């Protein structure tokens, strides 16, 4: 009997220690779950921004494909096509080592980039209420730069017809619906006019 009286509080102490361990395990799993949820949300925002940039990139290439005559590249982009590394872009970023398309802010893209107009028909994802997410408030934008024209024939100095391909760099910027996530894509497009 005296041995049992000495162990009266042992069950309480053991159960409190087990409860403490289970609480710590529960808190750790909750933190891990909330971190994974934030990671999945960020991945979703990046995916929507990527799809928007890809849509603008394809829209710019479709615009080039639809031109009957070769567009004239201008340093201010007023024709829809910029000269490669236009003087305005180079002068404004002379102190920078990054290319212009990495340095441009939202205001630069808004004033100089061409908005991809068909975003209303694009559905990028579903939100929590299962409604479609479109990018009406933040349309993706693109800039087309003429790189060079490459002749196809070796008849140098003749008065024959010019035959060759025009090369363009297309840079697009897409964001998610909130505008916080930004994706830049670039492609090279060749076309014979």
Protein backbone atom coordinates (compact mmCIF):
# COMPACT_ATOMS: atom_id res chain seq x y z
CA UNK A 1 0.00 0.00 0.00
CA UNK A 2 2.78 2.45 0.77
CA UNK A 3 4.25 1.85 -2.75
CA UNK A 4 0.92 2.82 -4.38
CA UNK A 5 0.64 6.00 -2.30
CA UNK A 6 4.03 7.19 -3.60
CA UNK A 7 2.83 6.93 -7.28
CA UNK A 8 -0.46 8.86 -6.95
CA UNK A 9 0.59 11.79 -9.28
CA UNK A 10 2.59 9.82 -11.90
CA UNK A 11 -0.34 9.34 -14.30
CA UNK A 12 -1.10 13.07 -14.28
CA UNK A 13 2.51 14.03 -15.04
CA UNK A 14 2.84 11.46 -17.86
CA UNK A 15 -0.47 12.55 -19.44
CA UNK A 16 0.56 16.23 -19.27
CA UNK A 17 3.89 15.46 -20.97
CA UNK A 18 2.10 13.48 -23.70
CA UNK A 19 -0.39 16.33 -24.15
CA UNK A 20 2.48 18.80 -24.49
CA UNK A 21 4.20 16.61 -27.13
CA UNK A 22 0.97 16.22 -29.09
CA UNK A 23 0.37 20.00 -28.95
CA UNK A 24 3.86 20.67 -30.31
CA UNK A 25 3.31 18.15 -33.12
CA UNK A 26 -0.02 19.78 -33.99
CA UNK A 27 1.48 23.29 -34.07
CA UNK A 28 4.35 22.11 -36.27
CA UNK A 29 2.01 20.44 -38.73
CA UNK A 30 -0.21 23.56 -38.84
CA UNK A 31 2.81 25.75 -39.63
CA UNK A 32 3.93 23.33 -42.32
CA UNK A 33 0.45 23.25 -43.85
CA UNK A 34 0.13 27.04 -43.92
CA UNK A 35 3.59 27.32 -45.53
CA UNK A 36 2.63 24.78 -48.19
CA UNK A 37 -0.62 26.67 -48.83
CA UNK A 38 1.28 29.94 -49.35
CA UNK A 39 3.73 28.17 -51.66
CA UNK A 40 0.88 26.76 -53.72
CA UNK A 41 -0.74 30.20 -53.93
CA UNK A 42 2.50 31.77 -55.11
CA UNK A 43 2.91 29.04 -57.71
CA UNK A 44 -0.62 29.71 -58.93
CA UNK A 45 0.06 33.47 -59.20
CA UNK A 46 3.25 32.73 -61.15
CA UNK A 47 1.35 30.38 -63.46
CA UNK A 48 -1.32 33.01 -64.21
CA UNK A 49 1.38 35.64 -64.89
CA UNK A 50 3.25 33.21 -67.16
CA UNK A 51 0.09 32.42 -69.13
CA UNK A 52 -0.63 36.14 -69.53
CA UNK A 53 2.91 36.82 -70.80
CA UNK A 54 2.70 33.84 -73.15
CA UNK A 55 -0.63 35.10 -74.53
CA UNK A 56 0.86 38.55 -75.19
CA UNK A 57 3.92 36.98 -76.83
CA UNK A 58 1.74 34.93 -79.17
CA UNK A 59 -0.46 37.97 -79.84
CA UNK A 60 2.57 40.01 -80.93
CA UNK A 61 3.75 37.19 -83.19
CA UNK A 62 0.24 36.94 -84.69
CA UNK A 63 0.30 40.70 -85.31
CA UNK A 64 3.62 40.39 -87.16
CA UNK A 65 2.27 37.44 -89.12
CA UNK A 66 -0.77 39.43 -90.19
CA UNK A 67 1.21 42.32 -91.67
CA UNK A 68 1.21 42.44 -95.49
CA UNK A 69 4.11 44.90 -95.69
CA UNK A 70 7.17 45.04 -93.49
CA UNK A 71 6.49 47.55 -90.68
CA UNK A 72 9.02 50.36 -90.41
CA UNK A 73 10.89 50.24 -87.12
CA UNK A 74 11.00 53.56 -85.28
CA UNK A 75 12.98 54.67 -82.24
CA UNK A 76 9.78 55.61 -80.39
CA UNK A 77 7.84 52.47 -81.37
CA UNK A 78 4.99 54.49 -82.90
CA UNK A 79 4.70 52.04 -85.82
CA UNK A 80 4.32 49.09 -83.45
CA UNK A 81 7.95 48.07 -83.99
CA UNK A 82 10.93 49.57 -82.20
CA UNK A 83 14.46 49.80 -83.49
CA UNK A 84 16.71 47.43 -81.60
CA UNK A 85 17.97 49.15 -78.45
CA UNK A 86 16.44 52.46 -79.43
CA UNK A 87 18.40 55.60 -78.45
CA UNK A 88 15.68 56.66 -75.99
CA UNK A 89 15.84 53.35 -74.18
CA UNK A 90 19.64 53.27 -74.22
CA UNK A 91 19.96 56.91 -73.08
CA UNK A 92 17.52 56.48 -70.21
CA UNK A 93 19.31 53.38 -68.98
CA UNK A 94 22.91 54.35 -69.79
CA UNK A 95 24.03 53.83 -66.20
CA UNK A 96 22.40 50.42 -65.97
CA UNK A 97 24.02 47.13 -66.92
CA UNK A 98 20.73 45.27 -67.33
CA UNK A 99 18.78 45.40 -70.61
CA UNK A 100 15.89 47.85 -70.85
CA UNK A 101 13.23 45.18 -70.57
CA UNK A 102 14.51 44.13 -67.15
CA UNK A 103 14.71 47.72 -65.92
CA UNK A 104 11.32 49.01 -67.09
CA UNK A 105 8.80 49.75 -64.36
CA UNK A 106 5.02 49.38 -64.69
CA UNK A 107 4.72 52.99 -65.88
CA UNK A 108 7.26 52.32 -68.67
CA UNK A 109 5.33 49.24 -69.81
CA UNK A 110 2.04 51.15 -69.63
CA UNK A 111 3.29 54.05 -71.75
CA UNK A 112 5.51 52.13 -74.22
CA UNK A 113 4.20 48.57 -74.35
CA UNK A 114 1.25 47.49 -76.48
CA UNK A 115 -1.59 45.97 -74.47
CA UNK A 116 -2.72 42.56 -75.64
CA UNK A 117 -6.38 43.19 -76.36
CA UNK A 118 -7.76 39.65 -76.32
CA UNK A 119 -7.38 39.01 -72.59
CA UNK A 120 -11.14 39.27 -72.01
CA UNK A 121 -11.63 35.96 -73.78
CA UNK A 122 -8.82 34.25 -71.89
CA UNK A 123 -9.58 32.40 -68.68
CA UNK A 124 -6.43 31.71 -66.70
CA UNK A 125 -7.76 29.97 -63.60
CA UNK A 126 -10.66 29.74 -61.17
CA UNK A 127 -10.80 31.62 -57.89
CA UNK A 128 -12.12 30.26 -54.59
CA UNK A 129 -15.74 30.91 -55.57
CA UNK A 130 -15.14 28.98 -58.85
CA UNK A 131 -15.40 32.22 -60.86
CA UNK A 132 -13.14 32.74 -63.86
CA UNK A 133 -9.99 34.80 -63.39
CA UNK A 134 -9.30 37.13 -66.29
CA UNK A 135 -6.83 39.98 -66.47
CA UNK A 136 -9.13 42.88 -67.31
CA UNK A 137 -7.47 45.25 -64.85
CA UNK A 138 -3.83 44.34 -65.66
CA UNK A 139 -3.55 43.42 -69.34
CA UNK A 140 -0.31 41.83 -70.52
CA UNK A 141 1.85 44.01 -72.76
CA UNK A 142 4.47 43.45 -75.43
CA UNK A 143 7.22 45.28 -77.30
CA UNK A 144 8.48 44.28 -80.76
CA UNK A 145 12.03 45.20 -81.82
CA UNK A 146 13.45 44.79 -85.32
CA UNK A 147 16.79 42.98 -85.11
CA UNK A 148 17.94 42.69 -88.72
CA UNK A 149 17.05 41.67 -92.24
CA UNK A 150 19.01 38.73 -93.65
CA UNK A 151 19.31 38.25 -97.41
CA UNK A 152 18.59 34.80 -98.78
CA UNK A 153 20.67 35.04 -101.94
CA UNK A 154 24.36 35.55 -102.62
CA UNK A 155 23.91 37.95 -105.54
CA UNK A 156 25.65 40.92 -103.95
CA UNK A 157 25.54 44.21 -105.84
CA UNK A 158 22.90 43.23 -108.37
CA UNK A 159 19.76 45.20 -109.04
CA UNK A 160 17.54 42.17 -108.55
CA UNK A 161 14.63 41.97 -106.16
CA UNK A 162 15.50 41.85 -102.51
CA UNK A 163 14.77 38.48 -100.96
CA UNK A 164 15.23 37.82 -97.28
CA UNK A 165 13.80 37.34 -93.82
CA UNK A 166 13.21 39.96 -91.16
CA UNK A 167 14.10 39.04 -87.57
CA UNK A 168 12.29 40.52 -84.58
CA UNK A 169 12.66 40.24 -80.81
CA UNK A 170 9.34 40.13 -79.00
CA UNK A 171 9.36 40.86 -75.27
CA UNK A 172 6.19 40.44 -73.22
CA UNK A 173 5.25 41.18 -69.63
CA UNK A 174 2.48 39.38 -67.82
CA UNK A 175 1.21 39.77 -64.27
CA UNK A 176 -1.30 38.03 -62.09
CA UNK A 177 -4.63 39.69 -61.31
CA UNK A 178 -3.20 41.60 -58.37
CA UNK A 179 -0.20 42.83 -60.35
CA UNK A 180 2.29 41.62 -57.74
CA UNK A 181 3.77 38.74 -59.73
CA UNK A 182 5.59 39.66 -62.94
CA UNK A 183 6.85 37.36 -65.69
CA UNK A 184 8.92 38.52 -68.67
CA UNK A 185 9.21 36.36 -71.79
CA UNK A 186 11.25 36.94 -74.92
CA UNK A 187 11.23 35.25 -78.28
CA UNK A 188 12.83 35.72 -81.69
CA UNK A 189 10.46 35.75 -84.65
CA UNK A 190 11.45 35.54 -88.33
CA UNK A 191 9.16 36.53 -91.18
CA UNK A 192 9.52 36.93 -94.92
CA UNK A 193 7.65 39.91 -96.38
